């Protein structure tokens, strides 16, 4: 089994390659996710809804997920001053526009640097990482509680757009349907001077044992807390910031299950098919 090694590549390149999109497309996506309203959402593509009955008939599932946590810190660039440029006079307006432009030009470098710093701060804070494993294990427990046999396989991060997600070098287990999860955890701000809010995004692609697509969906969590007015505040509060991301993942478990298999209620809390789920990492 080959696990993902983050060290040779930047965080922004990692996400850009895995999702098959440019940084110009990726940054607004993450920033927008920090600002959405509503509860955890399920956004399956309509074309695949006809396969939901087939998905519900699946009895054995292998969950493939990206084991390595990738903690991203991103802002949309810009100073936030351009909307007030008309009140600043000609010179002030030019200065505001210059700050805004320069900030947006450095978004990629800033995202890469801050993501590495924040990840290191969480690792050094004494709290466990394991956010992706936390989500995968709880989703697996929910599937088992629905009567399904589940195998968990930590692997590399899936690549490609959602409908065609693939995991390089993966050999699916014969007799099992394959559920690919691509998990993203981040803090995002709409521009370089706005507050940072937690972002959780989970993409899922379910294939049957013959690798035909049965279902696909993406999920986000609406989280307003913890909020950090400045990046320094986020960096200096890694344990609480990490807990905010964990709570976001917890919100997504039931929507991720219900979209595929229906909204039946769990039979027992924290127990699945006779197996007790371990305590939440703190």
Protein backbone atom coordinates (compact mmCIF):
# COMPACT_ATOMS: atom_id res chain seq x y z
CA UNK A 1 0.00 0.00 0.00
CA UNK A 2 1.38 3.38 -0.95
CA UNK A 3 0.48 6.32 1.27
CA UNK A 4 0.56 9.95 0.24
CA UNK A 5 3.76 11.85 0.92
CA UNK A 6 3.14 15.58 1.21
CA UNK A 7 6.71 16.74 1.60
CA UNK A 8 7.84 17.10 -2.03
CA UNK A 9 4.81 19.11 -3.18
CA UNK A 10 3.06 22.27 -2.05
CA UNK A 11 -0.42 22.18 -0.55
CA UNK A 12 -1.84 24.31 -3.34
CA UNK A 13 -0.34 22.09 -6.03
CA UNK A 14 -1.64 19.01 -4.23
CA UNK A 15 -5.22 20.26 -4.24
CA UNK A 16 -4.98 21.68 -7.74
CA UNK A 17 -3.75 18.35 -9.14
CA UNK A 18 -6.19 16.21 -7.17
CA UNK A 19 -9.25 18.19 -8.21
CA UNK A 20 -8.04 18.79 -11.76
CA UNK A 21 -8.52 22.56 -11.54
CA UNK A 22 -6.41 25.71 -11.67
CA UNK A 23 -5.60 27.77 -8.58
CA UNK A 24 -7.84 30.55 -9.93
CA UNK A 25 -10.77 28.12 -9.75
CA UNK A 26 -9.72 26.45 -6.52
CA UNK A 27 -9.31 29.51 -4.30
CA UNK A 28 -12.80 30.95 -4.85
CA UNK A 29 -14.22 27.46 -4.29
CA UNK A 30 -12.65 27.12 -0.85
CA UNK A 31 -13.41 30.73 0.07
CA UNK A 32 -17.05 30.38 -0.99
CA UNK A 33 -17.37 27.22 1.08
CA UNK A 34 -16.43 29.23 4.18
CA UNK A 35 -19.25 31.66 3.55
CA UNK A 36 -22.17 29.38 2.64
CA UNK A 37 -25.23 29.36 4.86
CA UNK A 38 -27.40 26.42 5.89
CA UNK A 39 -26.73 23.01 7.39
CA UNK A 40 -24.39 20.36 6.09
CA UNK A 41 -25.46 19.90 2.49
CA UNK A 42 -25.73 16.97 0.11
CA UNK A 43 -25.21 17.91 -3.53
CA UNK A 44 -25.47 14.82 -5.72
CA UNK A 45 -25.47 15.31 -9.45
CA UNK A 46 -29.02 14.79 -10.79
CA UNK A 47 -27.92 12.47 -13.61
CA UNK A 48 -26.99 9.76 -11.10
CA UNK A 49 -30.13 9.81 -8.98
CA UNK A 50 -31.53 6.93 -11.04
CA UNK A 51 -28.81 4.72 -9.52
CA UNK A 52 -29.78 5.37 -5.89
CA UNK A 53 -31.79 2.12 -5.64
CA UNK A 54 -28.72 0.22 -6.88
CA UNK A 55 -26.60 1.98 -4.27
CA UNK A 56 -28.98 1.01 -1.50
CA UNK A 57 -28.72 -2.64 -2.50
CA UNK A 58 -24.95 -2.66 -1.93
CA UNK A 59 -24.02 -5.05 0.89
CA UNK A 60 -20.20 -4.87 0.98
CA UNK A 61 -18.29 -1.58 0.75
CA UNK A 62 -14.59 -0.78 0.68
CA UNK A 63 -14.01 2.81 1.79
CA UNK A 64 -10.93 4.39 0.23
CA UNK A 65 -9.84 7.69 1.79
CA UNK A 66 -6.84 10.01 1.83
CA UNK A 67 -5.21 9.20 5.16
CA UNK A 68 -2.89 12.21 5.42
CA UNK A 69 -4.58 15.32 6.80
CA UNK A 70 -4.12 18.36 4.59
CA UNK A 71 -4.86 21.49 6.62
CA UNK A 72 -5.27 24.39 4.22
CA UNK A 73 -5.32 28.11 5.03
CA UNK A 74 -6.56 30.22 2.12
CA UNK A 75 -7.91 33.69 1.49
CA UNK A 76 -9.27 35.20 -1.69
CA UNK A 77 -6.58 37.85 -1.86
CA UNK A 78 -7.16 41.56 -2.03
CA UNK A 79 -7.13 44.08 0.78
CA UNK A 80 -10.86 44.59 1.21
CA UNK A 81 -10.26 48.30 0.63
CA UNK A 82 -11.36 48.54 -2.97
CA UNK A 83 -15.03 48.90 -2.04
CA UNK A 84 -14.10 52.08 -0.15
CA UNK A 85 -11.79 53.45 -2.83
CA UNK A 86 -14.26 56.14 -3.86
CA UNK A 87 -14.11 57.68 -0.37
CA UNK A 88 -10.33 57.74 -0.20
CA UNK A 89 -9.62 60.33 -2.88
CA UNK A 90 -7.53 59.75 -6.02
CA UNK A 91 -4.27 58.93 -4.24
CA UNK A 92 -5.95 56.76 -1.63
CA UNK A 93 -7.89 54.91 -4.30
CA UNK A 94 -4.71 54.13 -6.24
CA UNK A 95 -2.99 52.91 -3.10
CA UNK A 96 -5.95 50.70 -2.23
CA UNK A 97 -6.04 49.22 -5.72
CA UNK A 98 -2.30 48.57 -5.60
CA UNK A 99 -2.55 46.76 -2.27
CA UNK A 100 -5.49 44.73 -3.54
CA UNK A 101 -3.72 43.69 -6.75
CA UNK A 102 -0.45 42.78 -5.04
CA UNK A 103 -2.26 40.70 -2.44
CA UNK A 104 -4.14 38.69 -5.04
CA UNK A 105 -0.96 38.04 -7.00
CA UNK A 106 0.63 36.41 -3.95
CA UNK A 107 -2.35 34.24 -2.98
CA UNK A 108 -0.74 30.95 -4.05
CA UNK A 109 2.50 31.55 -2.15
CA UNK A 110 0.61 32.79 0.91
CA UNK A 111 -1.67 29.75 0.91
CA UNK A 112 1.25 27.35 0.63
CA UNK A 113 3.24 29.00 3.42
CA UNK A 114 0.34 29.36 5.82
CA UNK A 115 -0.92 25.84 5.21
CA UNK A 116 2.46 24.40 6.12
CA UNK A 117 2.72 26.64 9.21
CA UNK A 118 -0.76 25.77 10.43
CA UNK A 119 -0.26 22.04 9.89
CA UNK A 120 3.01 22.17 11.82
CA UNK A 121 1.34 24.15 14.64
CA UNK A 122 -1.41 21.51 14.98
CA UNK A 123 1.10 18.66 14.94
CA UNK A 124 3.22 20.39 17.59
CA UNK A 125 0.27 21.30 19.81
CA UNK A 126 -0.03 17.79 21.25
CA UNK A 127 -3.50 17.08 19.83
CA UNK A 128 -3.74 14.15 17.40
CA UNK A 129 -4.22 14.76 13.71
CA UNK A 130 -6.27 11.94 12.22
CA UNK A 131 -9.15 14.07 10.94
CA UNK A 132 -9.57 12.09 7.73
CA UNK A 133 -9.38 8.80 9.61
CA UNK A 134 -11.95 10.14 12.09
CA UNK A 135 -14.44 10.81 9.30
CA UNK A 136 -13.82 7.55 7.45
CA UNK A 137 -14.16 5.45 10.62
CA UNK A 138 -17.43 7.10 11.60
CA UNK A 139 -18.89 6.75 8.15
CA UNK A 140 -17.82 3.11 8.19
CA UNK A 141 -19.53 2.64 11.56
CA UNK A 142 -22.71 4.16 10.13
CA UNK A 143 -22.62 1.77 7.17
CA UNK A 144 -22.09 -1.20 9.48
CA UNK A 145 -24.98 -0.06 11.62
CA UNK A 146 -27.08 -0.15 8.46
CA UNK A 147 -26.21 -3.82 8.05
CA UNK A 148 -23.36 -3.55 5.56
CA UNK A 149 -19.94 -5.17 5.62
CA UNK A 150 -17.24 -2.50 5.46
CA UNK A 151 -13.52 -2.54 4.78
CA UNK A 152 -11.44 0.60 5.42
CA UNK A 153 -8.45 1.28 3.18
CA UNK A 154 -6.32 4.39 3.82
CA UNK A 155 -4.50 5.35 0.63
CA UNK A 156 -3.40 8.28 -1.49
CA UNK A 157 -5.66 11.24 -2.23
CA UNK A 158 -7.97 10.67 -5.18
CA UNK A 159 -7.27 12.60 -8.35
CA UNK A 160 -9.49 14.01 -11.08
CA UNK A 161 -12.89 15.65 -11.12
CA UNK A 162 -15.63 14.15 -8.97
CA UNK A 163 -17.43 12.04 -11.62
CA UNK A 164 -14.13 10.40 -12.66
CA UNK A 165 -12.22 10.30 -9.37
CA UNK A 166 -9.48 7.71 -9.33
CA UNK A 167 -6.97 6.60 -6.72
CA UNK A 168 -3.56 5.95 -8.33
CA UNK A 169 -2.29 2.40 -7.95
CA UNK A 170 -5.42 1.26 -6.12
CA UNK A 171 -6.51 -2.36 -6.61
CA UNK A 172 -10.15 -2.63 -5.44
CA UNK A 173 -11.00 -5.62 -3.27
CA UNK A 174 -12.93 -8.24 -5.30
CA UNK A 175 -16.55 -8.60 -4.25
CA UNK A 176 -16.73 -5.15 -2.68
CA UNK A 177 -18.24 -1.96 -4.00
CA UNK A 178 -15.77 0.93 -3.78
CA UNK A 179 -16.52 4.20 -2.00
CA UNK A 180 -13.85 6.81 -2.73
CA UNK A 181 -13.67 9.74 -0.32
CA UNK A 182 -11.70 12.92 -1.00
CA UNK A 183 -11.59 14.96 2.20
CA UNK A 184 -10.51 18.61 2.43
CA UNK A 185 -10.15 20.53 5.70
CA UNK A 186 -9.33 24.23 5.63
CA UNK A 187 -9.74 27.70 7.04
CA UNK A 188 -10.80 30.30 4.50
CA UNK A 189 -11.46 34.02 4.25
CA UNK A 190 -13.13 35.96 1.45
CA UNK A 191 -10.14 38.32 1.15
CA UNK A 192 -6.82 39.00 2.83
CA UNK A 193 -8.37 41.12 5.59
CA UNK A 194 -11.51 39.09 6.37
CA UNK A 195 -11.95 36.59 9.19
CA UNK A 196 -10.97 32.95 8.75
CA UNK A 197 -13.74 30.36 9.14
CA UNK A 198 -13.52 26.56 9.08
CA UNK A 199 -14.24 24.78 5.79
CA UNK A 200 -14.92 21.06 5.46
CA UNK A 201 -15.54 19.47 2.07
CA UNK A 202 -16.06 15.77 1.41
CA UNK A 203 -16.44 14.37 -2.10
CA UNK A 204 -17.67 10.80 -2.48
CA UNK A 205 -17.92 8.46 -5.44
CA UNK A 206 -19.54 5.03 -5.09
CA UNK A 207 -18.77 2.32 -7.67
CA UNK A 208 -20.12 -1.23 -7.72
CA UNK A 209 -17.85 -4.27 -7.70
CA UNK A 210 -17.50 -3.96 -11.49
CA UNK A 211 -16.47 -0.28 -11.04
CA UNK A 212 -19.62 1.17 -12.59
CA UNK A 213 -20.57 4.48 -10.95
CA UNK A 214 -23.64 4.24 -8.71
CA UNK A 215 -23.60 7.56 -6.88
CA UNK A 216 -21.61 10.76 -6.48
CA UNK A 217 -21.99 13.74 -4.18
CA UNK A 218 -20.13 16.54 -2.47
CA UNK A 219 -20.78 17.82 1.04
CA UNK A 220 -19.81 20.93 2.97
CA UNK A 221 -20.35 21.93 6.60
CA UNK A 222 -21.71 25.31 7.61
CA UNK A 223 -19.47 26.39 10.48
CA UNK A 224 -19.25 29.89 11.88
CA UNK A 225 -16.99 28.98 14.79
CA UNK A 226 -14.21 29.16 15.61
CA UNK A 227 -13.62 32.40 13.69
CA UNK A 228 -10.27 34.17 13.59
CA UNK A 229 -10.03 37.81 12.62
CA UNK A 230 -6.33 37.44 11.80
CA UNK A 231 -4.18 34.59 10.58
CA UNK A 232 -1.96 34.97 13.65
CA UNK A 233 -4.94 34.18 15.85
CA UNK A 234 -5.57 30.97 13.93
CA UNK A 235 -1.92 29.99 14.07
CA UNK A 236 -1.77 30.55 17.83
CA UNK A 237 -4.88 28.50 18.59
CA UNK A 238 -4.21 25.19 16.79
CA UNK A 239 -6.02 22.83 19.16
CA UNK A 240 -9.29 24.76 19.10
CA UNK A 241 -8.99 25.35 15.35
CA UNK A 242 -8.47 21.65 14.75
CA UNK A 243 -11.50 20.83 16.92
CA UNK A 244 -13.62 23.12 14.74
CA UNK A 245 -12.67 21.07 11.69
CA UNK A 246 -13.44 17.81 13.52
CA UNK A 247 -16.91 19.08 14.37
CA UNK A 248 -17.44 19.99 10.73
CA UNK A 249 -16.58 16.45 9.66
CA UNK A 250 -18.94 15.05 12.28
CA UNK A 251 -21.79 17.05 10.71
CA UNK A 252 -21.18 15.45 7.33
CA UNK A 253 -21.34 11.77 8.37
CA UNK A 254 -25.12 11.36 8.30
CA UNK A 255 -25.69 13.35 5.05
CA UNK A 256 -22.94 11.31 3.38
CA UNK A 257 -24.67 8.11 4.45
CA UNK A 258 -28.24 9.20 3.77
CA UNK A 259 -27.51 10.37 0.24
CA UNK A 260 -26.35 6.90 -0.75
CA UNK A 261 -28.45 4.59 1.36
CA UNK A 262 -31.44 6.51 2.71
CA UNK A 263 -32.21 8.31 5.93
CA UNK A 264 -32.75 5.33 8.22
CA UNK A 265 -31.85 5.93 11.86
CA UNK A 266 -28.78 4.33 13.46
CA UNK A 267 -29.67 1.36 15.63
CA UNK A 268 -27.12 2.16 18.35
CA UNK A 269 -24.97 5.20 18.98
CA UNK A 270 -21.24 4.55 18.57
CA UNK A 271 -21.72 0.79 18.05
CA UNK A 272 -21.68 -0.90 14.65
CA UNK A 273 -22.10 -4.60 13.93
CA UNK A 274 -20.88 -5.53 17.41
CA UNK A 275 -17.82 -3.32 17.15
CA UNK A 276 -17.37 -0.34 19.42
CA UNK A 277 -16.10 2.80 17.72
CA UNK A 278 -13.16 4.38 19.47
CA UNK A 279 -13.43 7.74 21.24
CA UNK A 280 -13.17 10.93 19.24
CA UNK A 281 -9.58 12.16 18.98
CA UNK A 282 -9.09 15.23 21.17
